[in-house]
Amino acid sequence: MAESERAPDAGAGSPVRAELEVPPGAAAGALLYVPVYSHVLHQSGEAAMYVTATVNVRNTDLASAIVVTRADYHDSKGALVERRVESPVRIGPLASTQFVVAQADKRGGAGASFLVEWHAETAASDPVVEAVMIGTSGQQGVSFVTQARVLRRIGEGSPTEAE
């Protein structure tokens, strides 16, 4: 995405929209927190290795589609950097989608995150949502994975807050 096409920065201290916006007819869904990193520090914290981060949303349900309605990228201070979903993204059974933060994109910082929201019209198994970070510098390389954490959940018998 070109720099001019990116959503404007909400600025430090702007409120984070953390409520779960439940569409009519949704029977399942959740708001997830996904930690991502634009860089990792090395050499006693004096140098940074920049990485590419890929947030993967994998529908684990065998029969039902899920819909991703939100994938908001936030920086280390919690400010909104960019909204990655402009219209709902349907993910079929056992299918997946991803959101990439390029290695050259340094806006997020070491404490960046995504808020990912998903819904289903029928009861559905939870998707697997992970971030994969990978980067190289010279002959050195680093790769690691983080997992999403549930902030809010909808659906019969589901907790409404993180456990």
N, C-alpha and C. Protein backbone atom coordinates (compact mmCIF):
# COMPACT_ATOMS: atom_id res chain seq x y z
N MET A 1 0.86 -1.17 0.00
CA MET A 1 0.00 0.00 0.00
C MET A 1 0.90 1.23 0.00
N ALA A 2 0.61 2.15 -0.86
CA ALA A 2 1.39 3.37 -0.95
C ALA A 2 1.20 4.22 0.29
N GLU A 3 2.23 4.97 0.65
CA GLU A 3 2.16 5.81 1.85
C GLU A 3 0.95 6.73 1.81
N SER A 4 0.62 7.29 0.63
CA SER A 4 -0.51 8.21 0.53
C SER A 4 -1.85 7.52 0.71
N GLU A 5 -1.88 6.18 0.56
CA GLU A 5 -3.13 5.44 0.72
C GLU A 5 -3.37 4.97 2.15
N ARG A 6 -2.40 5.12 3.01
CA ARG A 6 -2.51 4.63 4.38
C ARG A 6 -3.46 5.51 5.19
N ALA A 7 -4.10 4.88 6.15
CA ALA A 7 -4.98 5.62 7.05
C ALA A 7 -4.14 6.58 7.88
N PRO A 8 -4.66 7.73 8.22
CA PRO A 8 -3.88 8.67 9.02
C PRO A 8 -3.63 8.11 10.41
N ASP A 9 -2.49 8.49 10.96
CA ASP A 9 -2.13 8.09 12.31
C ASP A 9 -3.06 8.77 13.29
N ALA A 10 -3.63 8.00 14.19
CA ALA A 10 -4.57 8.55 15.16
C ALA A 10 -3.86 9.38 16.22
N GLY A 11 -2.54 9.26 16.32
CA GLY A 11 -1.78 10.06 17.29
C GLY A 11 -1.67 9.37 18.63
N ALA A 12 -0.61 9.64 19.31
CA ALA A 12 -0.39 9.05 20.63
C ALA A 12 -1.50 9.44 21.58
N GLY A 13 -1.91 8.50 22.36
CA GLY A 13 -2.93 8.77 23.36
C GLY A 13 -4.35 8.73 22.83
N SER A 14 -4.53 8.47 21.52
CA SER A 14 -5.89 8.40 21.01
C SER A 14 -6.55 7.14 21.55
N PRO A 15 -7.86 7.18 21.80
CA PRO A 15 -8.52 6.02 22.38
C PRO A 15 -8.54 4.85 21.41
N VAL A 16 -8.33 3.66 21.95
CA VAL A 16 -8.38 2.44 21.15
C VAL A 16 -9.80 1.90 21.23
N ARG A 17 -10.38 1.65 20.07
CA ARG A 17 -11.74 1.10 20.02
C ARG A 17 -11.64 -0.39 20.34
N ALA A 18 -11.92 -0.75 21.59
CA ALA A 18 -11.73 -2.13 22.03
C ALA A 18 -13.03 -2.88 22.23
N GLU A 19 -14.15 -2.26 21.91
CA GLU A 19 -15.41 -2.98 22.04
C GLU A 19 -15.57 -3.93 20.86
N LEU A 20 -16.42 -4.93 21.03
CA LEU A 20 -16.72 -5.91 20.00
C LEU A 20 -18.00 -5.46 19.31
N GLU A 21 -17.92 -5.15 18.02
CA GLU A 21 -19.09 -4.70 17.27
C GLU A 21 -19.76 -5.91 16.63
N VAL A 22 -20.83 -6.39 17.24
CA VAL A 22 -21.47 -7.62 16.82
C VAL A 22 -22.49 -7.34 15.72
N PRO A 23 -22.25 -7.89 14.51
CA PRO A 23 -23.22 -7.68 13.45
C PRO A 23 -24.49 -8.49 13.70
N PRO A 24 -25.64 -8.04 13.15
CA PRO A 24 -26.88 -8.79 13.32
C PRO A 24 -26.71 -10.21 12.79
N GLY A 25 -27.22 -11.17 13.53
CA GLY A 25 -27.18 -12.57 13.12
C GLY A 25 -25.91 -13.30 13.47
N ALA A 26 -24.94 -12.65 14.09
CA ALA A 26 -23.70 -13.33 14.45
C ALA A 26 -23.95 -14.27 15.63
N ALA A 27 -23.48 -15.51 15.49
CA ALA A 27 -23.65 -16.50 16.54
C ALA A 27 -22.35 -16.79 17.26
N ALA A 28 -21.25 -16.41 16.66
CA ALA A 28 -19.93 -16.64 17.25
C ALA A 28 -19.02 -15.51 16.81
N GLY A 29 -17.95 -15.32 17.57
CA GLY A 29 -16.97 -14.32 17.18
C GLY A 29 -16.15 -13.88 18.36
N ALA A 30 -15.13 -13.07 18.07
CA ALA A 30 -14.25 -12.59 19.15
C ALA A 30 -13.43 -11.41 18.66
N LEU A 31 -12.95 -10.65 19.63
CA LEU A 31 -11.96 -9.61 19.41
C LEU A 31 -10.65 -10.15 19.96
N LEU A 32 -9.61 -10.16 19.14
CA LEU A 32 -8.34 -10.76 19.50
C LEU A 32 -7.23 -9.72 19.52
N TYR A 33 -6.28 -9.88 20.44
CA TYR A 33 -5.06 -9.08 20.51
C TYR A 33 -3.93 -9.93 19.98
N VAL A 34 -3.21 -9.42 18.98
CA VAL A 34 -2.09 -10.16 18.38
C VAL A 34 -0.81 -9.34 18.51
N PRO A 35 0.16 -9.76 19.32
CA PRO A 35 1.42 -9.02 19.41
C PRO A 35 2.24 -9.21 18.14
N VAL A 36 2.77 -8.10 17.59
CA VAL A 36 3.67 -8.15 16.44
C VAL A 36 4.86 -7.23 16.73
N TYR A 37 5.91 -7.40 15.98
CA TYR A 37 7.13 -6.63 16.18
C TYR A 37 7.59 -6.10 14.83
N SER A 38 7.99 -4.83 14.75
CA SER A 38 8.61 -4.34 13.53
C SER A 38 10.11 -4.53 13.61
N HIS A 39 10.63 -4.70 14.83
CA HIS A 39 12.05 -4.96 15.00
C HIS A 39 12.31 -5.63 16.35
N VAL A 40 13.46 -6.25 16.43
CA VAL A 40 13.93 -6.81 17.70
C VAL A 40 15.30 -6.23 17.96
N LEU A 41 15.59 -6.00 19.22
CA LEU A 41 16.87 -5.41 19.60
C LEU A 41 17.89 -6.50 19.84
N HIS A 42 19.16 -6.21 19.51
CA HIS A 42 20.24 -7.14 19.78
C HIS A 42 21.49 -6.34 20.12
N GLN A 43 22.59 -7.00 20.37
CA GLN A 43 23.84 -6.36 20.78
C GLN A 43 23.61 -5.47 22.00
N SER A 44 23.13 -6.04 23.06
CA SER A 44 22.86 -5.34 24.32
C SER A 44 21.84 -4.22 24.17
N GLY A 45 20.92 -4.38 23.22
CA GLY A 45 19.86 -3.40 23.02
C GLY A 45 20.29 -2.17 22.26
N GLU A 46 21.48 -2.18 21.70
CA GLU A 46 22.00 -1.02 20.98
C GLU A 46 21.67 -1.03 19.49
N ALA A 47 21.32 -2.16 18.94
CA ALA A 47 21.04 -2.26 17.51
C ALA A 47 19.70 -2.96 17.30
N ALA A 48 19.06 -2.64 16.19
CA ALA A 48 17.77 -3.24 15.88
C ALA A 48 17.86 -4.05 14.59
N MET A 49 17.18 -5.20 14.58
CA MET A 49 17.03 -5.98 13.36
C MET A 49 15.56 -5.85 12.96
N TYR A 50 15.32 -5.27 11.81
CA TYR A 50 13.95 -5.07 11.34
C TYR A 50 13.44 -6.35 10.71
N VAL A 51 12.16 -6.63 10.94
CA VAL A 51 11.56 -7.89 10.49
C VAL A 51 10.27 -7.61 9.73
N THR A 52 9.88 -8.59 8.92
CA THR A 52 8.57 -8.59 8.28
C THR A 52 7.64 -9.36 9.20
N ALA A 53 6.46 -8.81 9.45
CA ALA A 53 5.47 -9.48 10.29
C ALA A 53 4.27 -9.86 9.43
N THR A 54 3.85 -11.11 9.54
CA THR A 54 2.67 -11.58 8.84
C THR A 54 1.67 -12.11 9.85
N VAL A 55 0.49 -11.49 9.92
CA VAL A 55 -0.59 -11.97 10.79
C VAL A 55 -1.44 -12.91 9.96
N ASN A 56 -1.50 -14.17 10.38
CA ASN A 56 -2.30 -15.19 9.70
C ASN A 56 -3.58 -15.45 10.47
N VAL A 57 -4.71 -15.44 9.76
CA VAL A 57 -6.01 -15.80 10.33
C VAL A 57 -6.45 -17.07 9.61
N ARG A 58 -6.50 -18.17 10.34
CA ARG A 58 -6.81 -19.49 9.76
C ARG A 58 -8.14 -19.99 10.30
N ASN A 59 -9.10 -20.16 9.42
CA ASN A 59 -10.40 -20.70 9.81
C ASN A 59 -10.24 -22.20 10.04
N THR A 60 -10.45 -22.64 11.25
CA THR A 60 -10.30 -24.06 11.58
C THR A 60 -11.60 -24.84 11.47
N ASP A 61 -12.70 -24.16 11.16
CA ASP A 61 -13.98 -24.85 11.08
C ASP A 61 -14.07 -25.67 9.80
N LEU A 62 -14.62 -26.88 9.91
CA LEU A 62 -14.73 -27.78 8.76
C LEU A 62 -15.90 -27.44 7.84
N ALA A 63 -16.89 -26.68 8.35
CA ALA A 63 -18.09 -26.44 7.55
C ALA A 63 -18.50 -24.97 7.42
N SER A 64 -18.16 -24.15 8.39
CA SER A 64 -18.66 -22.77 8.41
C SER A 64 -17.58 -21.75 8.04
N ALA A 65 -18.00 -20.74 7.31
CA ALA A 65 -17.12 -19.61 7.01
C ALA A 65 -17.10 -18.67 8.21
N ILE A 66 -16.03 -17.91 8.32
CA ILE A 66 -15.96 -16.82 9.28
C ILE A 66 -15.71 -15.54 8.50
N VAL A 67 -15.96 -14.41 9.15
CA VAL A 67 -15.76 -13.11 8.50
C VAL A 67 -14.89 -12.25 9.40
N VAL A 68 -13.79 -11.74 8.86
CA VAL A 68 -12.94 -10.81 9.59
C VAL A 68 -13.46 -9.41 9.29
N THR A 69 -13.87 -8.70 10.34
CA THR A 69 -14.43 -7.36 10.17
C THR A 69 -13.48 -6.26 10.59
N ARG A 70 -12.33 -6.66 11.16
CA ARG A 70 -11.40 -5.67 11.65
C ARG A 70 -10.00 -6.28 11.77
N ALA A 71 -8.99 -5.52 11.35
CA ALA A 71 -7.59 -5.86 11.57
C ALA A 71 -6.87 -4.52 11.68
N ASP A 72 -6.83 -3.98 12.89
CA ASP A 72 -6.26 -2.66 13.16
C ASP A 72 -4.84 -2.80 13.69
N TYR A 73 -3.91 -2.11 13.04
CA TYR A 73 -2.50 -2.14 13.41
C TYR A 73 -2.21 -0.97 14.33
N HIS A 74 -1.65 -1.26 15.52
CA HIS A 74 -1.33 -0.24 16.54
C HIS A 74 0.17 -0.23 16.80
N ASP A 75 0.69 0.94 17.18
CA ASP A 75 2.12 1.05 17.48
C ASP A 75 2.39 0.72 18.95
N SER A 76 3.65 0.86 19.35
CA SER A 76 4.08 0.53 20.71
C SER A 76 3.40 1.37 21.78
N LYS A 77 2.91 2.55 21.43
CA LYS A 77 2.22 3.42 22.37
C LYS A 77 0.71 3.18 22.37
N GLY A 78 0.23 2.25 21.54
CA GLY A 78 -1.19 1.95 21.47
C GLY A 78 -1.96 2.78 20.45
N ALA A 79 -1.29 3.70 19.77
CA ALA A 79 -1.96 4.55 18.78
C ALA A 79 -2.23 3.76 17.50
N LEU A 80 -3.36 4.01 16.89
CA LEU A 80 -3.72 3.38 15.63
C LEU A 80 -2.76 3.84 14.54
N VAL A 81 -2.15 2.88 13.85
CA VAL A 81 -1.27 3.17 12.72
C VAL A 81 -2.06 3.05 11.43
N GLU A 82 -2.84 1.96 11.32
CA GLU A 82 -3.52 1.70 10.06
C GLU A 82 -4.64 0.67 10.25
N ARG A 83 -5.75 0.90 9.59
CA ARG A 83 -6.83 -0.09 9.52
C ARG A 83 -6.59 -0.93 8.28
N ARG A 84 -6.52 -2.24 8.44
CA ARG A 84 -6.21 -3.12 7.32
C ARG A 84 -7.44 -3.74 6.66
N VAL A 85 -8.62 -3.59 7.27
CA VAL A 85 -9.85 -4.15 6.69
C VAL A 85 -10.80 -3.01 6.40
N GLU A 86 -11.06 -2.79 5.11
CA GLU A 86 -12.01 -1.74 4.72
C GLU A 86 -13.41 -2.29 4.53
N SER A 87 -13.52 -3.55 4.12
CA SER A 87 -14.81 -4.23 4.03
C SER A 87 -14.59 -5.66 4.53
N PRO A 88 -15.63 -6.31 5.06
CA PRO A 88 -15.46 -7.63 5.67
C PRO A 88 -14.79 -8.64 4.72
N VAL A 89 -13.91 -9.46 5.31
CA VAL A 89 -13.17 -10.47 4.56
C VAL A 89 -13.72 -11.84 4.95
N ARG A 90 -14.36 -12.53 3.99
CA ARG A 90 -14.91 -13.87 4.23
C ARG A 90 -13.80 -14.90 4.08
N ILE A 91 -13.71 -15.81 5.07
CA ILE A 91 -12.73 -16.89 5.03
C ILE A 91 -13.50 -18.21 5.09
N GLY A 92 -13.44 -18.97 4.02
CA GLY A 92 -14.15 -20.25 3.95
C GLY A 92 -13.59 -21.28 4.89
N PRO A 93 -14.29 -22.43 5.01
CA PRO A 93 -13.81 -23.51 5.86
C PRO A 93 -12.38 -23.92 5.51
N LEU A 94 -11.54 -24.01 6.50
CA LEU A 94 -10.14 -24.40 6.41
C LEU A 94 -9.29 -23.46 5.54
N ALA A 95 -9.81 -22.30 5.21
CA ALA A 95 -9.07 -21.31 4.42
C ALA A 95 -8.40 -20.31 5.36
N SER A 96 -7.62 -19.40 4.78
CA SER A 96 -6.93 -18.42 5.61
C SER A 96 -6.75 -17.12 4.85
N THR A 97 -6.39 -16.08 5.60
CA THR A 97 -6.01 -14.80 5.03
C THR A 97 -4.87 -14.25 5.87
N GLN A 98 -4.18 -13.25 5.36
CA GLN A 98 -3.07 -12.69 6.11
C GLN A 98 -2.96 -11.19 5.89
N PHE A 99 -2.30 -10.56 6.85
CA PHE A 99 -2.02 -9.13 6.82
C PHE A 99 -0.52 -8.98 7.07
N VAL A 100 0.16 -8.27 6.17
CA VAL A 100 1.62 -8.19 6.21
C VAL A 100 2.06 -6.78 6.58
N VAL A 101 3.03 -6.70 7.49
CA VAL A 101 3.72 -5.45 7.80
C VAL A 101 5.13 -5.61 7.23
N ALA A 102 5.44 -4.84 6.21
CA ALA A 102 6.72 -4.97 5.51
C ALA A 102 7.90 -4.64 6.42
N GLN A 103 9.04 -5.25 6.13
CA GLN A 103 10.26 -5.02 6.91
C GLN A 103 10.64 -3.54 6.93
N ALA A 104 10.36 -2.83 5.86
CA ALA A 104 10.71 -1.40 5.78
C ALA A 104 9.76 -0.51 6.58
N ASP A 105 8.63 -1.05 7.02
CA ASP A 105 7.64 -0.28 7.77
C ASP A 105 8.04 -0.27 9.25
N LYS A 106 8.59 0.84 9.70
CA LYS A 106 9.11 0.93 11.07
C LYS A 106 8.14 1.63 12.01
N ARG A 107 6.91 1.90 11.57
CA ARG A 107 5.97 2.68 12.37
C ARG A 107 5.51 1.99 13.65
N GLY A 108 5.43 0.68 13.67
CA GLY A 108 4.87 -0.03 14.81
C GLY A 108 5.75 -0.09 16.03
N GLY A 109 7.02 -0.36 15.83
CA GLY A 109 7.93 -0.50 16.95
C GLY A 109 7.93 -1.90 17.53
N ALA A 110 8.75 -2.09 18.55
CA ALA A 110 8.93 -3.42 19.15
C ALA A 110 7.70 -3.90 19.91
N GLY A 111 6.78 -3.00 20.25
CA GLY A 111 5.58 -3.39 21.01
C GLY A 111 4.30 -3.23 20.21
N ALA A 112 4.38 -3.33 18.89
CA ALA A 112 3.20 -3.17 18.04
C ALA A 112 2.21 -4.31 18.24
N SER A 113 0.98 -4.11 17.77
CA SER A 113 -0.05 -5.14 17.89
C SER A 113 -1.12 -4.95 16.83
N PHE A 114 -1.90 -6.00 16.64
CA PHE A 114 -3.11 -5.95 15.83
C PHE A 114 -4.30 -6.26 16.73
N LEU A 115 -5.41 -5.61 16.48
CA LEU A 115 -6.70 -6.04 17.02
C LEU A 115 -7.44 -6.64 15.85
N VAL A 116 -7.78 -7.93 15.97
CA VAL A 116 -8.47 -8.66 14.91
C VAL A 116 -9.83 -9.07 15.44
N GLU A 117 -10.88 -8.78 14.67
CA GLU A 117 -12.24 -9.14 15.04
C GLU A 117 -12.80 -10.08 13.98
N TRP A 118 -13.42 -11.16 14.44
CA TRP A 118 -14.03 -12.11 13.51
C TRP A 118 -15.43 -12.47 14.00
N HIS A 119 -16.27 -12.90 13.06
CA HIS A 119 -17.65 -13.32 13.35
C HIS A 119 -18.05 -14.49 12.47
N ALA A 120 -19.06 -15.21 12.90
CA ALA A 120 -19.66 -16.27 12.09
C ALA A 120 -21.17 -16.25 12.32
N GLU A 121 -21.93 -16.60 11.28
CA GLU A 121 -23.39 -16.60 11.40
C GLU A 121 -23.91 -17.82 12.13
N THR A 122 -23.12 -18.87 12.17
CA THR A 122 -23.47 -20.08 12.92
C THR A 122 -22.34 -20.36 13.90
N ALA A 123 -22.58 -21.25 14.84
CA ALA A 123 -21.51 -21.63 15.77
C ALA A 123 -20.33 -22.14 14.95
N ALA A 124 -19.15 -21.68 15.26
CA ALA A 124 -17.94 -22.06 14.52
C ALA A 124 -16.79 -22.23 15.49
N SER A 125 -15.86 -23.09 15.12
CA SER A 125 -14.68 -23.24 15.96
C SER A 125 -13.82 -21.98 15.84
N ASP A 126 -13.07 -21.69 16.88
CA ASP A 126 -12.22 -20.51 16.89
C ASP A 126 -11.13 -20.63 15.81
N PRO A 127 -10.83 -19.54 15.13
CA PRO A 127 -9.72 -19.58 14.19
C PRO A 127 -8.39 -19.60 14.94
N VAL A 128 -7.35 -20.02 14.25
CA VAL A 128 -5.99 -19.90 14.77
C VAL A 128 -5.45 -18.59 14.21
N VAL A 129 -5.04 -17.69 15.09
CA VAL A 129 -4.51 -16.40 14.66
C VAL A 129 -3.13 -16.24 15.28
N GLU A 130 -2.12 -16.15 14.41
CA GLU A 130 -0.74 -16.05 14.83
C GLU A 130 -0.03 -14.98 14.00
N ALA A 131 1.05 -14.46 14.53
CA ALA A 131 1.91 -13.57 13.78
C ALA A 131 3.27 -14.25 13.63
N VAL A 132 3.78 -14.23 12.42
CA VAL A 132 5.09 -14.79 12.13
C VAL A 132 6.01 -13.63 11.76
N MET A 133 7.13 -13.50 12.46
CA MET A 133 8.10 -12.46 12.19
C MET A 133 9.37 -13.11 11.68
N ILE A 134 9.94 -12.52 10.62
CA ILE A 134 11.18 -13.04 10.06
C ILE A 134 12.01 -11.89 9.52
N GLY A 135 13.30 -11.93 9.76
CA GLY A 135 14.19 -10.89 9.25
C GLY A 135 15.61 -11.39 9.15
N THR A 136 16.39 -10.74 8.28
CA THR A 136 17.79 -11.07 8.13
C THR A 136 18.62 -9.79 8.06
N SER A 137 19.84 -9.90 8.50
CA SER A 137 20.79 -8.80 8.42
C SER A 137 22.17 -9.42 8.27
N GLY A 138 22.78 -9.23 7.11
CA GLY A 138 24.06 -9.88 6.84
C GLY A 138 23.86 -11.39 6.84
N GLN A 139 24.63 -12.08 7.64
CA GLN A 139 24.50 -13.53 7.73
C GLN A 139 23.65 -13.96 8.92
N GLN A 140 23.04 -13.00 9.61
CA GLN A 140 22.21 -13.30 10.77
C GLN A 140 20.74 -13.31 10.36
N GLY A 141 19.97 -14.15 11.00
CA GLY A 141 18.54 -14.20 10.75
C GLY A 141 17.79 -14.47 12.03
N VAL A 142 16.55 -14.05 12.06
CA VAL A 142 15.71 -14.30 13.22
C VAL A 142 14.30 -14.60 12.71
N SER A 143 13.64 -15.52 13.38
CA SER A 143 12.23 -15.80 13.08
C SER A 143 11.56 -16.28 14.36
N PHE A 144 10.31 -15.88 14.54
CA PHE A 144 9.56 -16.30 15.72
C PHE A 144 8.07 -16.09 15.46
N VAL A 145 7.26 -16.69 16.32
CA VAL A 145 5.81 -16.69 16.18
C VAL A 145 5.19 -16.21 17.48
N THR A 146 4.11 -15.41 17.37
CA THR A 146 3.31 -15.05 18.54
C THR A 146 1.88 -15.50 18.29
N GLN A 147 1.12 -15.68 19.35
CA GLN A 147 -0.26 -16.13 19.23
C GLN A 147 -1.22 -15.07 19.74
N ALA A 148 -2.42 -15.07 19.15
CA ALA A 148 -3.47 -14.13 19.55
C ALA A 148 -4.00 -14.49 20.92
N ARG A 149 -4.55 -13.48 21.56
CA ARG A 149 -5.19 -13.65 22.87
C ARG A 149 -6.60 -13.07 22.78
N VAL A 150 -7.59 -13.76 23.33
CA VAL A 150 -8.98 -13.31 23.28
C VAL A 150 -9.18 -12.17 24.27
N LEU A 151 -9.71 -11.04 23.77
CA LEU A 151 -10.08 -9.92 24.63
C LEU A 151 -11.57 -9.94 24.95
N ARG A 152 -12.39 -10.19 23.95
CA ARG A 152 -13.86 -10.27 24.10
C ARG A 152 -14.35 -11.40 23.21
N ARG A 153 -15.43 -12.04 23.63
CA ARG A 153 -15.99 -13.17 22.87
C ARG A 153 -17.50 -13.04 22.81
N ILE A 154 -18.08 -13.50 21.70
CA ILE A 154 -19.54 -13.62 21.63
C ILE A 154 -19.87 -15.08 21.33
N GLY A 155 -21.09 -15.44 21.63
CA GLY A 155 -21.53 -16.79 21.36
C GLY A 155 -22.06 -17.44 22.61
N GLU A 156 -22.95 -18.36 22.43
CA GLU A 156 -23.60 -19.03 23.55
C GLU A 156 -22.58 -19.74 24.42
N GLY A 157 -22.61 -19.44 25.72
CA GLY A 157 -21.73 -20.10 26.67
C GLY A 157 -20.30 -19.59 26.65
N SER A 158 -20.02 -18.55 25.88
CA SER A 158 -18.66 -18.03 25.79
C SER A 158 -18.44 -16.92 26.80
N PRO A 159 -17.24 -16.84 27.36
CA PRO A 159 -16.95 -15.74 28.27
C PRO A 159 -16.95 -14.42 27.51
N THR A 160 -17.26 -13.33 28.18
CA THR A 160 -17.29 -12.03 27.53
C THR A 160 -16.00 -11.26 27.76
N GLU A 161 -15.15 -11.72 28.62
CA GLU A 161 -13.88 -11.05 28.90
C GLU A 161 -12.75 -12.09 28.75
N ALA A 162 -11.55 -11.61 28.60
CA ALA A 162 -10.39 -12.50 28.54
C ALA A 162 -10.31 -13.31 29.82
N GLU A 163 -9.92 -14.56 29.68
CA GLU A 163 -9.84 -15.45 30.84
C GLU A 163 -8.56 -15.25 31.60
